[in-house]
Amino acid sequence: MFCDYELSPYRGDISAETDDHDKWSINSARTTPEDISLEEEIHMLRRKMEQIFLQEQSFTSEIVIEISSLLDLKINEYMKAHPKKKL
């Protein structure tokens, strides 16, 4: 079963990169990471995952799986914070 989630259109300028210790960090034109919304993180991670998939040409690439897992966590976090109302 798939759950729906609705995100606003992405308009930010943020990117995700790994540091020297393979930790993900978010870079933004904004001043602090706290200024980046959960929606923006989701959009950024999805864009990065798609970009790396195109480079690797593999869904099973270690980095694609890592980003996909992080994306899943962020989507779950978003869905918990924005539950759909049942009719």
PDB file of N, CA and C in Angstrom:
ATOM      1  N   MET A   1       0.846  -1.174   0.000  1.00  0.00           N
ATOM      2  CA  MET A   1       0.000   0.000   0.000  1.00  0.00           C
ATOM      3  C   MET A   1       0.888   1.232   0.000  1.00  0.00           C
ATOM      4  N   PHE A   2       0.544   2.186  -0.847  1.00  0.00           N
ATOM      5  CA  PHE A   2       1.305   3.410  -0.945  1.00  0.00           C
ATOM      6  C   PHE A   2       0.518   4.548  -0.309  1.00  0.00           C
ATOM      7  N   CYS A   3       1.213   5.417   0.355  1.00  0.00           N
ATOM      8  CA  CYS A   3       0.581   6.579   0.973  1.00  0.00           C
ATOM      9  C   CYS A   3       0.855   7.799   0.116  1.00  0.00           C
ATOM     10  N   ASP A   4      -0.125   8.658   0.047  1.00  0.00           N
ATOM     11  CA  ASP A   4       0.049   9.901  -0.686  1.00  0.00           C
ATOM     12  C   ASP A   4       0.592  10.966   0.240  1.00  0.00           C
ATOM     13  N   TYR A   5       1.408  11.812  -0.299  1.00  0.00           N
ATOM     14  CA  TYR A   5       1.837  12.993   0.417  1.00  0.00           C
ATOM     15  C   TYR A   5       1.943  14.109  -0.600  1.00  0.00           C
ATOM     16  N   GLU A   6       1.590  15.295  -0.176  1.00  0.00           N
ATOM     17  CA  GLU A   6       1.616  16.429  -1.071  1.00  0.00           C
ATOM     18  C   GLU A   6       2.634  17.435  -0.574  1.00  0.00           C
ATOM     19  N   LEU A   7       3.522  17.813  -1.460  1.00  0.00           N
ATOM     20  CA  LEU A   7       4.529  18.807  -1.130  1.00  0.00           C
ATOM     21  C   LEU A   7       4.319  20.008  -2.036  1.00  0.00           C
ATOM     22  N   SER A   8       4.653  21.168  -1.512  1.00  0.00           N
ATOM     23  CA  SER A   8       4.565  22.355  -2.342  1.00  0.00           C
ATOM     24  C   SER A   8       5.670  22.310  -3.389  1.00  0.00           C
ATOM     25  N   PRO A   9       5.504  23.040  -4.504  1.00  0.00           N
ATOM     26  CA  PRO A   9       6.556  23.045  -5.524  1.00  0.00           C
ATOM     27  C   PRO A   9       7.874  23.551  -4.950  1.00  0.00           C
ATOM     28  N   TYR A  10       8.962  22.911  -5.333  1.00  0.00           N
ATOM     29  CA  TYR A  10      10.277  23.273  -4.824  1.00  0.00           C
ATOM     30  C   TYR A  10      10.773  24.530  -5.526  1.00  0.00           C
ATOM     31  N   ARG A  11      11.193  25.511  -4.743  1.00  0.00           N
ATOM     32  CA  ARG A  11      11.701  26.753  -5.309  1.00  0.00           C
ATOM     33  C   ARG A  11      13.038  27.161  -4.717  1.00  0.00           C
ATOM     34  N   GLY A  12      13.608  26.324  -3.857  1.00  0.00           N
ATOM     35  CA  GLY A  12      14.828  26.692  -3.157  1.00  0.00           C
ATOM     36  C   GLY A  12      16.088  26.393  -3.938  1.00  0.00           C
ATOM     37  N   ASP A  13      17.194  26.803  -3.352  1.00  0.00           N
ATOM     38  CA  ASP A  13      18.496  26.545  -3.946  1.00  0.00           C
ATOM     39  C   ASP A  13      19.362  25.893  -2.887  1.00  0.00           C
ATOM     40  N   ILE A  14      19.150  24.578  -2.701  1.00  0.00           N
ATOM     41  CA  ILE A  14      19.926  23.850  -1.709  1.00  0.00           C
ATOM     42  C   ILE A  14      20.522  22.625  -2.360  1.00  0.00           C
ATOM     43  N   SER A  15      21.578  22.103  -1.779  1.00  0.00           N
ATOM     44  CA  SER A  15      22.211  20.907  -2.310  1.00  0.00           C
ATOM     45  C   SER A  15      22.669  20.029  -1.163  1.00  0.00           C
ATOM     46  N   ALA A  16      22.909  18.774  -1.465  1.00  0.00           N
ATOM     47  CA  ALA A  16      23.388  17.823  -0.458  1.00  0.00           C
ATOM     48  C   ALA A  16      24.708  17.261  -0.937  1.00  0.00           C
ATOM     49  N   GLU A  17      25.643  17.176  -0.029  1.00  0.00           N
ATOM     50  CA  GLU A  17      26.958  16.626  -0.336  1.00  0.00           C
ATOM     51  C   GLU A  17      27.448  15.858   0.880  1.00  0.00           C
ATOM     52  N   THR A  18      28.418  14.989   0.674  1.00  0.00           N
ATOM     53  CA  THR A  18      29.027  14.294   1.800  1.00  0.00           C
ATOM     54  C   THR A  18      30.324  14.994   2.162  1.00  0.00           C
ATOM     55  N   ASP A  19      30.657  14.955   3.451  1.00  0.00           N
ATOM     56  CA  ASP A  19      31.902  15.559   3.904  1.00  0.00           C
ATOM     57  C   ASP A  19      33.006  14.505   3.907  1.00  0.00           C
ATOM     58  N   ASP A  20      34.143  14.820   4.506  1.00  0.00           N
ATOM     59  CA  ASP A  20      35.280  13.900   4.536  1.00  0.00           C
ATOM     60  C   ASP A  20      34.991  12.613   5.301  1.00  0.00           C
ATOM     61  N   HIS A  21      33.972  12.633   6.157  1.00  0.00           N
ATOM     62  CA  HIS A  21      33.615  11.465   6.973  1.00  0.00           C
ATOM     63  C   HIS A  21      32.350  10.782   6.460  1.00  0.00           C
ATOM     64  N   ASP A  22      31.986  11.049   5.196  1.00  0.00           N
ATOM     65  CA  ASP A  22      30.799  10.480   4.557  1.00  0.00           C
ATOM     66  C   ASP A  22      29.507  10.800   5.290  1.00  0.00           C
ATOM     67  N   LYS A  23      29.439  11.958   5.921  1.00  0.00           N
ATOM     68  CA  LYS A  23      28.207  12.440   6.549  1.00  0.00           C
ATOM     69  C   LYS A  23      27.535  13.401   5.573  1.00  0.00           C
ATOM     70  N   TRP A  24      26.218  13.276   5.455  1.00  0.00           N
ATOM     71  CA  TRP A  24      25.481  14.162   4.555  1.00  0.00           C
ATOM     72  C   TRP A  24      25.323  15.526   5.188  1.00  0.00           C
ATOM     73  N   SER A  25      25.516  16.553   4.395  1.00  0.00           N
ATOM     74  CA  SER A  25      25.265  17.916   4.855  1.00  0.00           C
ATOM     75  C   SER A  25      24.475  18.647   3.776  1.00  0.00           C
ATOM     76  N   ILE A  26      23.741  19.634   4.223  1.00  0.00           N
ATOM     77  CA  ILE A  26      22.897  20.407   3.320  1.00  0.00           C
ATOM     78  C   ILE A  26      23.498  21.788   3.190  1.00  0.00           C
ATOM     79  N   ASN A  27      23.693  22.211   1.949  1.00  0.00           N
ATOM     80  CA  ASN A  27      24.231  23.533   1.682  1.00  0.00           C
ATOM     81  C   ASN A  27      23.114  24.393   1.122  1.00  0.00           C
ATOM     82  N   SER A  28      23.049  25.616   1.599  1.00  0.00           N
ATOM     83  CA  SER A  28      21.962  26.485   1.197  1.00  0.00           C
ATOM     84  C   SER A  28      22.428  27.923   1.123  1.00  0.00           C
ATOM     85  N   ALA A  29      21.700  28.702   0.352  1.00  0.00           N
ATOM     86  CA  ALA A  29      21.955  30.136   0.317  1.00  0.00           C
ATOM     87  C   ALA A  29      21.480  30.779   1.615  1.00  0.00           C
ATOM     88  N   ARG A  30      20.675  30.038   2.385  1.00  0.00           N
ATOM     89  CA  ARG A  30      20.192  30.544   3.670  1.00  0.00           C
ATOM     90  C   ARG A  30      21.319  30.481   4.686  1.00  0.00           C
ATOM     91  N   THR A  31      21.105  31.136   5.817  1.00  0.00           N
ATOM     92  CA  THR A  31      22.185  31.251   6.792  1.00  0.00           C
ATOM     93  C   THR A  31      22.402  30.000   7.628  1.00  0.00           C
ATOM     94  N   THR A  32      21.341  29.272   7.998  1.00  0.00           N
ATOM     95  CA  THR A  32      21.514  28.115   8.868  1.00  0.00           C
ATOM     96  C   THR A  32      20.694  26.944   8.366  1.00  0.00           C
ATOM     97  N   PRO A  33      21.105  25.711   8.697  1.00  0.00           N
ATOM     98  CA  PRO A  33      20.326  24.531   8.297  1.00  0.00           C
ATOM     99  C   PRO A  33      18.912  24.546   8.870  1.00  0.00           C
ATOM    100  N   GLU A  34      18.710  25.210  10.009  1.00  0.00           N
ATOM    101  CA  GLU A  34      17.384  25.259  10.613  1.00  0.00           C
ATOM    102  C   GLU A  34      16.390  26.021   9.730  1.00  0.00           C
ATOM    103  N   ASP A  35      16.898  26.864   8.832  1.00  0.00           N
ATOM    104  CA  ASP A  35      16.030  27.634   7.946  1.00  0.00           C
ATOM    105  C   ASP A  35      15.487  26.797   6.794  1.00  0.00           C
ATOM    106  N   ILE A  36      16.010  25.586   6.606  1.00  0.00           N
ATOM    107  CA  ILE A  36      15.588  24.725   5.507  1.00  0.00           C
ATOM    108  C   ILE A  36      14.412  23.877   5.978  1.00  0.00           C
ATOM    109  N   SER A  37      13.320  23.951   5.250  1.00  0.00           N
ATOM    110  CA  SER A  37      12.132  23.203   5.655  1.00  0.00           C
ATOM    111  C   SER A  37      12.286  21.729   5.305  1.00  0.00           C
ATOM    112  N   LEU A  38      11.474  20.923   5.953  1.00  0.00           N
ATOM    113  CA  LEU A  38      11.455  19.491   5.692  1.00  0.00           C
ATOM    114  C   LEU A  38      11.079  19.232   4.231  1.00  0.00           C
ATOM    115  N   GLU A  39      10.157  20.010   3.706  1.00  0.00           N
ATOM    116  CA  GLU A  39       9.772  19.862   2.303  1.00  0.00           C
ATOM    117  C   GLU A  39      10.954  20.116   1.380  1.00  0.00           C
ATOM    118  N   GLU A  40      11.729  21.134   1.691  1.00  0.00           N
ATOM    119  CA  GLU A  40      12.897  21.446   0.867  1.00  0.00           C
ATOM    120  C   GLU A  40      13.932  20.334   0.948  1.00  0.00           C
ATOM    121  N   GLU A  41      14.105  19.758   2.128  1.00  0.00           N
ATOM    122  CA  GLU A  41      15.029  18.633   2.270  1.00  0.00           C
ATOM    123  C   GLU A  41      14.586  17.460   1.399  1.00  0.00           C
ATOM    124  N   ILE A  42      13.294  17.172   1.391  1.00  0.00           N
ATOM    125  CA  ILE A  42      12.759  16.070   0.598  1.00  0.00           C
ATOM    126  C   ILE A  42      12.996  16.325  -0.884  1.00  0.00           C
ATOM    127  N   HIS A  43      12.687  17.528  -1.337  1.00  0.00           N
ATOM    128  CA  HIS A  43      12.908  17.865  -2.746  1.00  0.00           C
ATOM    129  C   HIS A  43      14.391  17.749  -3.114  1.00  0.00           C
ATOM    130  N   MET A  44      15.247  18.257  -2.251  1.00  0.00           N
ATOM    131  CA  MET A  44      16.677  18.241  -2.501  1.00  0.00           C
ATOM    132  C   MET A  44      17.206  16.809  -2.561  1.00  0.00           C
ATOM    133  N   LEU A  45      16.795  15.978  -1.615  1.00  0.00           N
ATOM    134  CA  LEU A  45      17.255  14.591  -1.596  1.00  0.00           C
ATOM    135  C   LEU A  45      16.776  13.822  -2.829  1.00  0.00           C
ATOM    136  N   ARG A  46      15.550  14.069  -3.221  1.00  0.00           N
ATOM    137  CA  ARG A  46      15.031  13.382  -4.406  1.00  0.00           C
ATOM    138  C   ARG A  46      15.817  13.796  -5.644  1.00  0.00           C
ATOM    139  N   ARG A  47      16.073  15.095  -5.770  1.00  0.00           N
ATOM    140  CA  ARG A  47      16.836  15.583  -6.919  1.00  0.00           C
ATOM    141  C   ARG A  47      18.246  14.980  -6.925  1.00  0.00           C
ATOM    142  N   LYS A  48      18.869  14.918  -5.757  1.00  0.00           N
ATOM    143  CA  LYS A  48      20.219  14.356  -5.654  1.00  0.00           C
ATOM    144  C   LYS A  48      20.203  12.868  -5.979  1.00  0.00           C
ATOM    145  N   MET A  49      19.191  12.143  -5.491  1.00  0.00           N
ATOM    146  CA  MET A  49      19.091  10.716  -5.775  1.00  0.00           C
ATOM    147  C   MET A  49      18.926  10.489  -7.280  1.00  0.00           C
ATOM    148  N   GLU A  50      18.087  11.272  -7.936  1.00  0.00           N
ATOM    149  CA  GLU A  50      17.887  11.139  -9.375  1.00  0.00           C
ATOM    150  C   GLU A  50      19.177  11.441 -10.131  1.00  0.00           C
ATOM    151  N   GLN A  51      19.884  12.469  -9.703  1.00  0.00           N
ATOM    152  CA  GLN A  51      21.140  12.850 -10.350  1.00  0.00           C
ATOM    153  C   GLN A  51      22.175  11.726 -10.237  1.00  0.00           C
ATOM    154  N   ILE A  52      22.323  11.164  -9.050  1.00  0.00           N
ATOM    155  CA  ILE A  52      23.308  10.102  -8.850  1.00  0.00           C
ATOM    156  C   ILE A  52      22.890   8.832  -9.577  1.00  0.00           C
ATOM    157  N   PHE A  53      21.587   8.545  -9.616  1.00  0.00           N
ATOM    158  CA  PHE A  53      21.130   7.385 -10.379  1.00  0.00           C
ATOM    159  C   PHE A  53      21.537   7.520 -11.842  1.00  0.00           C
ATOM    160  N   LEU A  54      21.365   8.712 -12.399  1.00  0.00           N
ATOM    161  CA  LEU A  54      21.734   8.918 -13.801  1.00  0.00           C
ATOM    162  C   LEU A  54      23.236   8.728 -14.013  1.00  0.00           C
ATOM    163  N   GLN A  55      24.031   9.112 -13.041  1.00  0.00           N
ATOM    164  CA  GLN A  55      25.486   8.926 -13.141  1.00  0.00           C
ATOM    165  C   GLN A  55      25.862   7.454 -12.993  1.00  0.00           C
ATOM    166  N   GLU A  56      25.264   6.795 -12.015  1.00  0.00           N
ATOM    167  CA  GLU A  56      25.619   5.409 -11.696  1.00  0.00           C
ATOM    168  C   GLU A  56      24.904   4.401 -12.591  1.00  0.00           C
ATOM    169  N   GLN A  57      23.751   4.782 -13.138  1.00  0.00           N
ATOM    170  CA  GLN A  57      22.922   3.883 -13.949  1.00  0.00           C
ATOM    171  C   GLN A  57      22.576   2.604 -13.181  1.00  0.00           C
ATOM    172  N   SER A  58      22.286   2.779 -11.877  1.00  0.00           N
ATOM    173  CA  SER A  58      21.975   1.612 -11.053  1.00  0.00           C
ATOM    174  C   SER A  58      21.137   2.019  -9.842  1.00  0.00           C
ATOM    175  N   PHE A  59      20.050   1.285  -9.637  1.00  0.00           N
ATOM    176  CA  PHE A  59      19.256   1.494  -8.431  1.00  0.00           C
ATOM    177  C   PHE A  59      19.922   0.862  -7.214  1.00  0.00           C
ATOM    178  N   THR A  60      20.851  -0.041  -7.451  1.00  0.00           N
ATOM    179  CA  THR A  60      21.478  -0.756  -6.344  1.00  0.00           C
ATOM    180  C   THR A  60      22.842  -0.182  -5.959  1.00  0.00           C
ATOM    181  N   SER A  61      23.197   0.939  -6.552  1.00  0.00           N
ATOM    182  CA  SER A  61      24.432   1.612  -6.160  1.00  0.00           C
ATOM    183  C   SER A  61      24.343   1.984  -4.678  1.00  0.00           C
ATOM    184  N   GLU A  62      25.445   1.817  -3.955  1.00  0.00           N
ATOM    185  CA  GLU A  62      25.457   2.087  -2.516  1.00  0.00           C
ATOM    186  C   GLU A  62      24.991   3.506  -2.192  1.00  0.00           C
ATOM    187  N   ILE A  63      25.436   4.476  -2.948  1.00  0.00           N
ATOM    188  CA  ILE A  63      25.069   5.862  -2.655  1.00  0.00           C
ATOM    189  C   ILE A  63      23.603   6.135  -2.990  1.00  0.00           C
ATOM    190  N   VAL A  64      23.083   5.520  -4.048  1.00  0.00           N
ATOM    191  CA  VAL A  64      21.663   5.688  -4.389  1.00  0.00           C
ATOM    192  C   VAL A  64      20.800   5.097  -3.275  1.00  0.00           C
ATOM    193  N   ILE A  65      21.177   3.941  -2.783  1.00  0.00           N
ATOM    194  CA  ILE A  65      20.430   3.304  -1.691  1.00  0.00           C
ATOM    195  C   ILE A  65      20.502   4.153  -0.427  1.00  0.00           C
ATOM    196  N   GLU A  66      21.670   4.712  -0.140  1.00  0.00           N
ATOM    197  CA  GLU A  66      21.823   5.554   1.048  1.00  0.00           C
ATOM    198  C   GLU A  66      20.925   6.782   0.978  1.00  0.00           C
ATOM    199  N   ILE A  67      20.921   7.446  -0.156  1.00  0.00           N
ATOM    200  CA  ILE A  67      20.074   8.633  -0.299  1.00  0.00           C
ATOM    201  C   ILE A  67      18.603   8.241  -0.272  1.00  0.00           C
ATOM    202  N   SER A  68      18.262   7.135  -0.920  1.00  0.00           N
ATOM    203  CA  SER A  68      16.879   6.655  -0.919  1.00  0.00           C
ATOM    204  C   SER A  68      16.394   6.369   0.498  1.00  0.00           C
ATOM    205  N   SER A  69      17.241   5.760   1.311  1.00  0.00           N
ATOM    206  CA  SER A  69      16.873   5.466   2.701  1.00  0.00           C
ATOM    207  C   SER A  69      16.663   6.746   3.500  1.00  0.00           C
ATOM    208  N   LEU A  70      17.544   7.712   3.301  1.00  0.00           N
ATOM    209  CA  LEU A  70      17.389   8.994   3.985  1.00  0.00           C
ATOM    210  C   LEU A  70      16.123   9.703   3.507  1.00  0.00           C
ATOM    211  N   LEU A  71      15.852   9.626   2.231  1.00  0.00           N
ATOM    212  CA  LEU A  71      14.629  10.206   1.676  1.00  0.00           C
ATOM    213  C   LEU A  71      13.396   9.552   2.289  1.00  0.00           C
ATOM    214  N   ASP A  72      13.410   8.248   2.432  1.00  0.00           N
ATOM    215  CA  ASP A  72      12.292   7.533   3.073  1.00  0.00           C
ATOM    216  C   ASP A  72      12.063   8.048   4.496  1.00  0.00           C
ATOM    217  N   LEU A  73      13.133   8.229   5.236  1.00  0.00           N
ATOM    218  CA  LEU A  73      13.009   8.740   6.616  1.00  0.00           C
ATOM    219  C   LEU A  73      12.393  10.128   6.632  1.00  0.00           C
ATOM    220  N   LYS A  74      12.832  10.985   5.720  1.00  0.00           N
ATOM    221  CA  LYS A  74      12.310  12.356   5.668  1.00  0.00           C
ATOM    222  C   LYS A  74      10.839  12.372   5.249  1.00  0.00           C
ATOM    223  N   ILE A  75      10.459  11.512   4.318  1.00  0.00           N
ATOM    224  CA  ILE A  75       9.053  11.439   3.901  1.00  0.00           C
ATOM    225  C   ILE A  75       8.198  10.931   5.050  1.00  0.00           C
ATOM    226  N   ASN A  76       8.673   9.926   5.779  1.00  0.00           N
ATOM    227  CA  ASN A  76       7.933   9.436   6.949  1.00  0.00           C
ATOM    228  C   ASN A  76       7.793  10.529   8.000  1.00  0.00           C
ATOM    229  N   GLU A  77       8.863  11.278   8.221  1.00  0.00           N
ATOM    230  CA  GLU A  77       8.813  12.397   9.167  1.00  0.00           C
ATOM    231  C   GLU A  77       7.780  13.430   8.720  1.00  0.00           C
ATOM    232  N   TYR A  78       7.748  13.727   7.429  1.00  0.00           N
ATOM    233  CA  TYR A  78       6.778  14.680   6.894  1.00  0.00           C
ATOM    234  C   TYR A  78       5.353  14.160   7.075  1.00  0.00           C
ATOM    235  N   MET A  79       5.141  12.878   6.777  1.00  0.00           N
ATOM    236  CA  MET A  79       3.799  12.306   6.885  1.00  0.00           C
ATOM    237  C   MET A  79       3.309  12.287   8.331  1.00  0.00           C
ATOM    238  N   LYS A  80       4.205  12.073   9.287  1.00  0.00           N
ATOM    239  CA  LYS A  80       3.820  12.130  10.698  1.00  0.00           C
ATOM    240  C   LYS A  80       3.457  13.546  11.121  1.00  0.00           C
ATOM    241  N   ALA A  81       4.157  14.518  10.575  1.00  0.00           N
ATOM    242  CA  ALA A  81       3.904  15.916  10.923  1.00  0.00           C
ATOM    243  C   ALA A  81       2.673  16.472  10.208  1.00  0.00           C
ATOM    244  N   HIS A  82       2.282  15.855   9.097  1.00  0.00           N
ATOM    245  CA  HIS A  82       1.149  16.327   8.301  1.00  0.00           C
ATOM    246  C   HIS A  82       0.207  15.170   7.982  1.00  0.00           C
ATOM    247  N   PRO A  83      -0.447  14.609   9.009  1.00  0.00           N
ATOM    248  CA  PRO A  83      -1.322  13.458   8.731  1.00  0.00           C
ATOM    249  C   PRO A  83      -2.523  13.859   7.880  1.00  0.00           C
ATOM    250  N   LYS A  84      -2.925  12.936   7.018  1.00  0.00           N
ATOM    251  CA  LYS A  84      -4.123  13.167   6.206  1.00  0.00           C
ATOM    252  C   LYS A  84      -5.351  12.966   7.078  1.00  0.00           C
ATOM    253  N   LYS A  85      -6.314  13.852   6.933  1.00  0.00           N
ATOM    254  CA  LYS A  85      -7.544  13.729   7.692  1.00  0.00           C
ATOM    255  C   LYS A  85      -8.450  12.726   7.033  1.00  0.00           C
ATOM    256  N   LYS A  86      -8.980  11.811   7.824  1.00  0.00           N
ATOM    257  CA  LYS A  86      -9.891  10.793   7.300  1.00  0.00           C
ATOM    258  C   LYS A  86     -11.301  11.378   7.298  1.00  0.00           C
ATOM    259  N   LEU A  87     -12.040  11.035   6.255  1.00  0.00           N
ATOM    260  CA  LEU A  87     -13.407  11.533   6.131  1.00  0.00           C
ATOM    261  C   LEU A  87     -14.364  10.663   6.886  1.00  0.00           C
TER     262      LEU A  87
END
